[in-house]
Amino acid sequence: MSEDAKTRQSSATSRRGRKPITDVKTSFIAVRCTATEHDRIDAAAQKAGLSIGAYVRQLALGSAGPRAVRRPPIERKELARLLGELGKIGSNINQLAHAYNGQGQHPALAELAAMQKDIAKLKDTVLTALGRDY
């Protein structure tokens, strides 16, 4: 194997896996608190969509950090799940329309258009709630 091929092979293998971390977190800060205080901190972190550690860094340093563990609030999880379900409903309606059109039968196009409009309205509402306005 030529020297150039060996260099290419070793450089290709060295890039596999995760990127090396330049700012490794090696220090640990422990804070004692009551169960009630822990619950309040955890609730505030969940509301912010962060882990407790990222939330404390956010408060103390002004930034949760680039690799902060982000936890979407439960409402956002449910809205995202609902958005997926709406997509399935829209797909089913599209399949029904395609089947009717393939057989030469035409369902009440006004009803299908109204259903499509309602689903689009629901989708837009969910996207707005998720903060993904398009």
C-alpha atoms as a PDB file:
ATOM      1  CA  MET A   1       0.000   0.000   0.000  1.00  0.00           C
ATOM      2  CA  SER A   2       1.405   3.404  -0.917  1.00  0.00           C
ATOM      3  CA  GLU A   3       2.153   6.080   1.692  1.00  0.00           C
ATOM      4  CA  ASP A   4      -0.612   8.311   0.251  1.00  0.00           C
ATOM      5  CA  ALA A   5      -3.213   5.529   0.560  1.00  0.00           C
ATOM      6  CA  LYS A   6      -2.156   4.861   4.181  1.00  0.00           C
ATOM      7  CA  THR A   7      -2.558   8.562   5.021  1.00  0.00           C
ATOM      8  CA  ARG A   8      -6.011   8.687   3.443  1.00  0.00           C
ATOM      9  CA  GLN A   9      -7.084   5.517   5.253  1.00  0.00           C
ATOM     10  CA  SER A  10      -5.871   6.694   8.673  1.00  0.00           C
ATOM     11  CA  SER A  11      -7.444  10.139   8.268  1.00  0.00           C
ATOM     12  CA  ALA A  12     -10.749   8.562   7.209  1.00  0.00           C
ATOM     13  CA  THR A  13     -10.762   6.256  10.234  1.00  0.00           C
ATOM     14  CA  SER A  14      -9.923   9.027  12.664  1.00  0.00           C
ATOM     15  CA  ARG A  15     -13.072  10.959  11.698  1.00  0.00           C
ATOM     16  CA  ARG A  16     -15.487   8.166  12.625  1.00  0.00           C
ATOM     17  CA  GLY A  17     -17.678   8.403  15.686  1.00  0.00           C
ATOM     18  CA  ARG A  18     -18.423  11.439  17.764  1.00  0.00           C
ATOM     19  CA  LYS A  19     -16.636  14.738  17.407  1.00  0.00           C
ATOM     20  CA  PRO A  20     -13.981  15.296  20.040  1.00  0.00           C
ATOM     21  CA  ILE A  21     -15.147  17.525  22.885  1.00  0.00           C
ATOM     22  CA  THR A  22     -12.946  20.550  23.493  1.00  0.00           C
ATOM     23  CA  ASP A  23     -14.677  21.811  26.654  1.00  0.00           C
ATOM     24  CA  VAL A  24     -15.070  18.634  28.690  1.00  0.00           C
ATOM     25  CA  LYS A  25     -17.128  19.052  31.847  1.00  0.00           C
ATOM     26  CA  THR A  26     -14.898  17.695  34.600  1.00  0.00           C
ATOM     27  CA  SER A  27     -16.122  19.659  37.623  1.00  0.00           C
ATOM     28  CA  PHE A  28     -19.168  18.697  39.645  1.00  0.00           C
ATOM     29  CA  ILE A  29     -21.262  20.980  41.865  1.00  0.00           C
ATOM     30  CA  ALA A  30     -23.629  19.410  44.365  1.00  0.00           C
ATOM     31  CA  VAL A  31     -26.374  21.390  46.046  1.00  0.00           C
ATOM     32  CA  ARG A  32     -28.453  19.983  48.857  1.00  0.00           C
ATOM     33  CA  CYS A  33     -32.141  20.793  48.871  1.00  0.00           C
ATOM     34  CA  THR A  34     -35.369  19.476  50.301  1.00  0.00           C
ATOM     35  CA  ALA A  35     -37.662  17.199  48.319  1.00  0.00           C
ATOM     36  CA  THR A  36     -40.054  20.116  47.865  1.00  0.00           C
ATOM     37  CA  GLU A  37     -37.276  22.359  46.566  1.00  0.00           C
ATOM     38  CA  HIS A  38     -36.106  19.603  44.223  1.00  0.00           C
ATOM     39  CA  ASP A  39     -39.644  19.204  42.878  1.00  0.00           C
ATOM     40  CA  ARG A  40     -39.910  22.967  42.301  1.00  0.00           C
ATOM     41  CA  ILE A  41     -36.541  23.084  40.518  1.00  0.00           C
ATOM     42  CA  ASP A  42     -37.453  20.050  38.405  1.00  0.00           C
ATOM     43  CA  ALA A  43     -40.820  21.606  37.486  1.00  0.00           C
ATOM     44  CA  ALA A  44     -39.134  24.887  36.503  1.00  0.00           C
ATOM     45  CA  ALA A  45     -36.569  22.973  34.421  1.00  0.00           C
ATOM     46  CA  GLN A  46     -39.322  21.006  32.671  1.00  0.00           C
ATOM     47  CA  LYS A  47     -41.223  24.214  31.954  1.00  0.00           C
ATOM     48  CA  ALA A  48     -38.032  25.642  30.414  1.00  0.00           C
ATOM     49  CA  GLY A  49     -37.569  22.435  28.407  1.00  0.00           C
ATOM     50  CA  LEU A  50     -34.175  21.648  29.972  1.00  0.00           C
ATOM     51  CA  SER A  51     -32.631  19.069  32.250  1.00  0.00           C
ATOM     52  CA  ILE A  52     -31.972  20.218  35.802  1.00  0.00           C
ATOM     53  CA  GLY A  53     -28.232  20.632  35.149  1.00  0.00           C
ATOM     54  CA  ALA A  54     -28.810  22.651  31.976  1.00  0.00           C
ATOM     55  CA  TYR A  55     -31.439  24.737  33.766  1.00  0.00           C
ATOM     56  CA  VAL A  56     -29.050  25.581  36.622  1.00  0.00           C
ATOM     57  CA  ARG A  57     -26.297  26.490  34.103  1.00  0.00           C
ATOM     58  CA  GLN A  58     -28.830  28.689  32.276  1.00  0.00           C
ATOM     59  CA  LEU A  59     -29.666  30.548  35.492  1.00  0.00           C
ATOM     60  CA  ALA A  60     -26.093  30.841  36.752  1.00  0.00           C
ATOM     61  CA  LEU A  61     -24.205  31.476  33.512  1.00  0.00           C
ATOM     62  CA  GLY A  62     -26.864  32.839  31.176  1.00  0.00           C
ATOM     63  CA  SER A  63     -26.521  29.896  28.781  1.00  0.00           C
ATOM     64  CA  ALA A  64     -27.449  26.239  29.118  1.00  0.00           C
ATOM     65  CA  GLY A  65     -24.514  25.335  26.889  1.00  0.00           C
ATOM     66  CA  PRO A  66     -24.299  24.018  23.331  1.00  0.00           C
ATOM     67  CA  ARG A  67     -24.786  20.375  24.341  1.00  0.00           C
ATOM     68  CA  ALA A  68     -27.471  20.993  26.958  1.00  0.00           C
ATOM     69  CA  VAL A  69     -30.006  18.226  27.373  1.00  0.00           C
ATOM     70  CA  ARG A  70     -33.235  19.713  26.130  1.00  0.00           C
ATOM     71  CA  ARG A  71     -36.506  18.163  27.281  1.00  0.00           C
ATOM     72  CA  PRO A  72     -39.548  19.427  25.461  1.00  0.00           C
ATOM     73  CA  PRO A  73     -42.406  20.166  27.845  1.00  0.00           C
ATOM     74  CA  ILE A  74     -45.141  17.528  27.924  1.00  0.00           C
ATOM     75  CA  GLU A  75     -47.516  19.831  26.064  1.00  0.00           C
ATOM     76  CA  ARG A  76     -45.042  20.119  23.192  1.00  0.00           C
ATOM     77  CA  LYS A  77     -44.609  16.343  23.095  1.00  0.00           C
ATOM     78  CA  GLU A  78     -48.360  15.877  22.906  1.00  0.00           C
ATOM     79  CA  LEU A  79     -48.719  18.546  20.219  1.00  0.00           C
ATOM     80  CA  ALA A  80     -45.963  16.897  18.180  1.00  0.00           C
ATOM     81  CA  ARG A  81     -47.711  13.525  18.535  1.00  0.00           C
ATOM     82  CA  LEU A  82     -51.008  15.141  17.522  1.00  0.00           C
ATOM     83  CA  LEU A  83     -49.339  16.642  14.473  1.00  0.00           C
ATOM     84  CA  GLY A  84     -48.210  13.146  13.448  1.00  0.00           C
ATOM     85  CA  GLU A  85     -51.738  11.812  13.866  1.00  0.00           C
ATOM     86  CA  LEU A  86     -53.099  14.641  11.720  1.00  0.00           C
ATOM     87  CA  GLY A  87     -50.635  13.660   9.015  1.00  0.00           C
ATOM     88  CA  LYS A  88     -51.953  10.098   9.114  1.00  0.00           C
ATOM     89  CA  ILE A  89     -55.541  11.332   8.816  1.00  0.00           C
ATOM     90  CA  GLY A  90     -54.615  13.488   5.850  1.00  0.00           C
ATOM     91  CA  SER A  91     -52.892  10.528   4.223  1.00  0.00           C
ATOM     92  CA  ASN A  92     -55.974   8.355   4.718  1.00  0.00           C
ATOM     93  CA  ILE A  93     -58.237  10.983   3.180  1.00  0.00           C
ATOM     94  CA  ASN A  94     -55.865  11.267   0.232  1.00  0.00           C
ATOM     95  CA  GLN A  95     -55.955   7.476  -0.244  1.00  0.00           C
ATOM     96  CA  LEU A  96     -59.768   7.509  -0.152  1.00  0.00           C
ATOM     97  CA  ALA A  97     -59.909  10.258  -2.725  1.00  0.00           C
ATOM     98  CA  HIS A  98     -57.434   8.389  -4.926  1.00  0.00           C
ATOM     99  CA  ALA A  99     -59.502   5.168  -4.689  1.00  0.00           C
ATOM    100  CA  TYR A 100     -62.708   6.971  -5.593  1.00  0.00           C
ATOM    101  CA  ASN A 101     -61.052   8.720  -8.506  1.00  0.00           C
ATOM    102  CA  GLY A 102     -59.540   5.436  -9.751  1.00  0.00           C
ATOM    103  CA  GLN A 103     -62.970   3.790  -9.872  1.00  0.00           C
ATOM    104  CA  GLY A 104     -64.508   6.670 -11.753  1.00  0.00           C
ATOM    105  CA  GLN A 105     -66.749   7.556  -8.831  1.00  0.00           C
ATOM    106  CA  HIS A 106     -66.584  11.040  -7.485  1.00  0.00           C
ATOM    107  CA  PRO A 107     -67.449  11.615  -3.843  1.00  0.00           C
ATOM    108  CA  ALA A 108     -68.865  14.919  -2.809  1.00  0.00           C
ATOM    109  CA  LEU A 109     -65.869  17.052  -3.678  1.00  0.00           C
ATOM    110  CA  ALA A 110     -67.167  19.858  -1.520  1.00  0.00           C
ATOM    111  CA  GLU A 111     -67.104  17.565   1.521  1.00  0.00           C
ATOM    112  CA  LEU A 112     -63.563  16.414   0.791  1.00  0.00           C
ATOM    113  CA  ALA A 113     -62.458  20.007   0.302  1.00  0.00           C
ATOM    114  CA  ALA A 114     -64.067  20.984   3.610  1.00  0.00           C
ATOM    115  CA  MET A 115     -62.295  18.100   5.395  1.00  0.00           C
ATOM    116  CA  GLN A 116     -58.996  19.089   3.832  1.00  0.00           C
ATOM    117  CA  LYS A 117     -59.510  22.691   4.899  1.00  0.00           C
ATOM    118  CA  ASP A 118     -60.313  21.647   8.496  1.00  0.00           C
ATOM    119  CA  ILE A 119     -57.235  19.443   8.689  1.00  0.00           C
ATOM    120  CA  ALA A 120     -55.047  22.210   7.294  1.00  0.00           C
ATOM    121  CA  LYS A 121     -56.465  24.567   9.916  1.00  0.00           C
ATOM    122  CA  LEU A 122     -55.726  22.054  12.707  1.00  0.00           C
ATOM    123  CA  LYS A 123     -52.211  21.528  11.380  1.00  0.00           C
ATOM    124  CA  ASP A 124     -51.538  25.279  11.272  1.00  0.00           C
ATOM    125  CA  THR A 125     -52.820  25.637  14.842  1.00  0.00           C
ATOM    126  CA  VAL A 126     -50.539  22.857  16.097  1.00  0.00           C
ATOM    127  CA  LEU A 127     -47.531  24.261  14.217  1.00  0.00           C
ATOM    128  CA  THR A 128     -48.191  27.682  15.739  1.00  0.00           C
ATOM    129  CA  ALA A 129     -48.419  26.145  19.218  1.00  0.00           C
ATOM    130  CA  LEU A 130     -45.103  24.367  18.606  1.00  0.00           C
ATOM    131  CA  GLY A 131     -43.526  27.634  17.502  1.00  0.00           C
ATOM    132  CA  ARG A 132     -43.027  26.469  13.913  1.00  0.00           C
ATOM    133  CA  ASP A 133     -44.892  29.132  11.973  1.00  0.00           C
ATOM    134  CA  TYR A 134     -44.364  28.735   8.251  1.00  0.00           C
END
